[in-house]
Amino acid sequence: MKAVLLAAGVALGGALASSALAADLAAGQAKAKEICQACHGMDGNSPTADYPKLGGQYPDYLAKALRDYKDGKRKNPIMAGMAAPLTPKDIENLAAYYSAQPAVLEVKPEEGGAHRNK
């Protein structure tokens, strides 16, 4: 029984890894430069709070969000227009590219400029 579960786990892991390896990071970077960088930045870490940070996000989350904008399941007129021309391969490549970028966490100081230690 353990051998069957182990084999199933290895097969699933291999399938997920081959899916991630199938993405073309260079193509994702080129598409990001063409479409996404103005708002999200090349590394997916926009300096503006108006635009979500994409760097380091899970690729399946990013891909689903783009598909949902494209299909109208997720409502945002700007993103709908950006996602409309993307092919399924573009979406996979963009998701892989941005997920491979480092995540940047910003901690904003409390009002008054000082952290309180109590």
Protein backbone atom coordinates (compact mmCIF):
# COMPACT_ATOMS: atom_id res chain seq x y z
CA MET A 1 0.00 0.00 0.00
CA LYS A 2 2.82 2.41 0.91
CA ALA A 3 4.56 1.62 -2.39
CA VAL A 4 1.40 2.51 -4.34
CA LEU A 5 1.03 5.83 -2.50
CA LEU A 6 4.70 6.61 -3.00
CA ALA A 7 4.47 5.83 -6.73
CA ALA A 8 1.37 8.02 -7.06
CA GLY A 9 3.11 10.87 -5.25
CA VAL A 10 6.20 10.59 -7.45
CA ALA A 11 4.06 10.54 -10.61
CA LEU A 12 2.09 13.59 -9.50
CA GLY A 13 5.27 15.45 -8.56
CA GLY A 14 6.80 14.62 -11.93
CA ALA A 15 3.72 15.84 -13.76
CA LEU A 16 3.74 19.13 -11.87
CA ALA A 17 7.46 19.60 -12.41
CA SER A 18 7.22 18.91 -16.14
CA SER A 19 4.41 21.45 -16.41
CA ALA A 20 6.58 24.10 -14.76
CA LEU A 21 9.54 23.13 -16.93
CA ALA A 22 7.42 23.45 -20.06
CA ALA A 23 7.07 27.20 -19.52
CA ASP A 24 9.50 29.48 -21.35
CA LEU A 25 10.87 32.03 -18.89
CA ALA A 26 12.51 34.10 -21.65
CA ALA A 27 9.20 34.33 -23.50
CA GLY A 28 7.48 35.25 -20.23
CA GLN A 29 10.05 37.98 -19.63
CA ALA A 30 9.55 39.34 -23.15
CA LYS A 31 5.77 39.40 -22.70
CA ALA A 32 6.15 41.05 -19.28
CA LYS A 33 8.31 43.75 -20.87
CA GLU A 34 5.74 44.24 -23.63
CA ILE A 35 2.56 44.26 -21.54
CA CYS A 36 3.03 44.11 -17.77
CA GLN A 37 6.06 46.12 -16.68
CA ALA A 38 4.44 49.56 -16.84
CA CYS A 39 2.24 48.71 -13.86
CA HIS A 40 3.78 45.66 -12.19
CA GLY A 41 7.48 46.23 -12.93
CA MET A 42 9.84 43.81 -14.64
CA ASP A 43 10.39 41.84 -11.46
CA GLY A 44 6.70 41.92 -10.49
CA ASN A 45 7.32 44.14 -7.49
CA SER A 46 5.59 47.39 -8.36
CA PRO A 47 6.70 50.35 -6.26
CA THR A 48 3.12 51.64 -6.41
CA ALA A 49 0.57 50.24 -3.96
CA ASP A 50 -2.13 50.56 -6.65
CA TYR A 51 -0.74 47.52 -8.48
CA PRO A 52 -0.39 44.07 -6.91
CA LYS A 53 3.02 42.55 -6.43
CA LEU A 54 3.41 39.50 -8.67
CA GLY A 55 7.00 38.48 -7.91
CA GLY A 56 7.21 35.18 -6.07
CA GLN A 57 3.49 34.38 -6.35
CA TYR A 58 2.45 30.81 -7.07
CA PRO A 59 2.38 30.22 -10.85
CA ASP A 60 -1.00 28.46 -10.73
CA TYR A 61 -2.51 31.46 -8.92
CA LEU A 62 -1.10 33.91 -11.48
CA ALA A 63 -2.25 31.78 -14.42
CA LYS A 64 -5.76 31.40 -12.99
CA ALA A 65 -6.02 35.14 -12.35
CA LEU A 66 -5.00 35.93 -15.94
CA ARG A 67 -7.42 33.34 -17.36
CA ASP A 68 -10.21 34.75 -15.18
CA TYR A 69 -9.51 38.32 -16.35
CA LYS A 70 -9.46 37.11 -19.95
CA ASP A 71 -12.72 35.16 -19.56
CA GLY A 72 -14.47 37.92 -17.61
CA LYS A 73 -14.83 35.84 -14.43
CA ARG A 74 -12.66 38.37 -12.62
CA LYS A 75 -13.78 41.96 -13.12
CA ASN A 76 -11.25 44.69 -13.82
CA PRO A 77 -11.51 46.62 -17.09
CA ILE A 78 -7.79 47.40 -17.25
CA MET A 79 -6.69 43.82 -16.63
CA ALA A 80 -9.37 42.46 -18.95
CA GLY A 81 -7.87 44.55 -21.75
CA MET A 82 -4.33 43.43 -20.90
CA ALA A 83 -5.26 39.74 -20.68
CA ALA A 84 -7.50 39.66 -23.78
CA PRO A 85 -4.74 39.10 -26.36
CA LEU A 86 -2.81 36.56 -24.26
CA THR A 87 -2.65 32.99 -25.52
CA PRO A 88 -2.71 30.05 -23.08
CA LYS A 89 1.06 29.69 -23.64
CA ASP A 90 1.58 33.42 -22.93
CA ILE A 91 -0.29 33.00 -19.65
CA GLU A 92 1.77 29.95 -18.68
CA ASN A 93 5.02 31.77 -19.55
CA LEU A 94 4.07 34.96 -17.69
CA ALA A 95 2.99 32.99 -14.61
CA ALA A 96 6.27 31.05 -14.61
CA TYR A 97 8.35 34.19 -15.15
CA TYR A 98 6.75 36.24 -12.37
CA SER A 99 6.71 33.30 -9.95
CA ALA A 100 10.47 32.92 -10.50
CA GLN A 101 11.10 36.54 -9.45
CA PRO A 102 11.89 37.35 -5.82
CA ALA A 103 9.01 38.38 -3.62
CA VAL A 104 9.48 41.74 -1.90
CA LEU A 105 7.75 42.38 1.40
CA GLU A 106 7.43 45.94 2.60
CA VAL A 107 6.62 46.83 6.18
CA LYS A 108 5.25 50.31 6.57
CA PRO A 109 6.03 52.16 9.79
CA GLU A 110 3.21 53.11 12.08
CA GLU A 111 1.78 56.60 11.87
CA GLY A 112 4.18 59.06 13.43
CA GLY A 113 7.19 57.27 11.95
CA ALA A 114 8.14 55.14 14.95
CA HIS A 115 7.46 51.53 15.81
CA ARG A 116 5.93 50.98 19.21
CA ASN A 117 7.44 48.39 21.49
CA LYS A 118 5.09 47.67 24.36
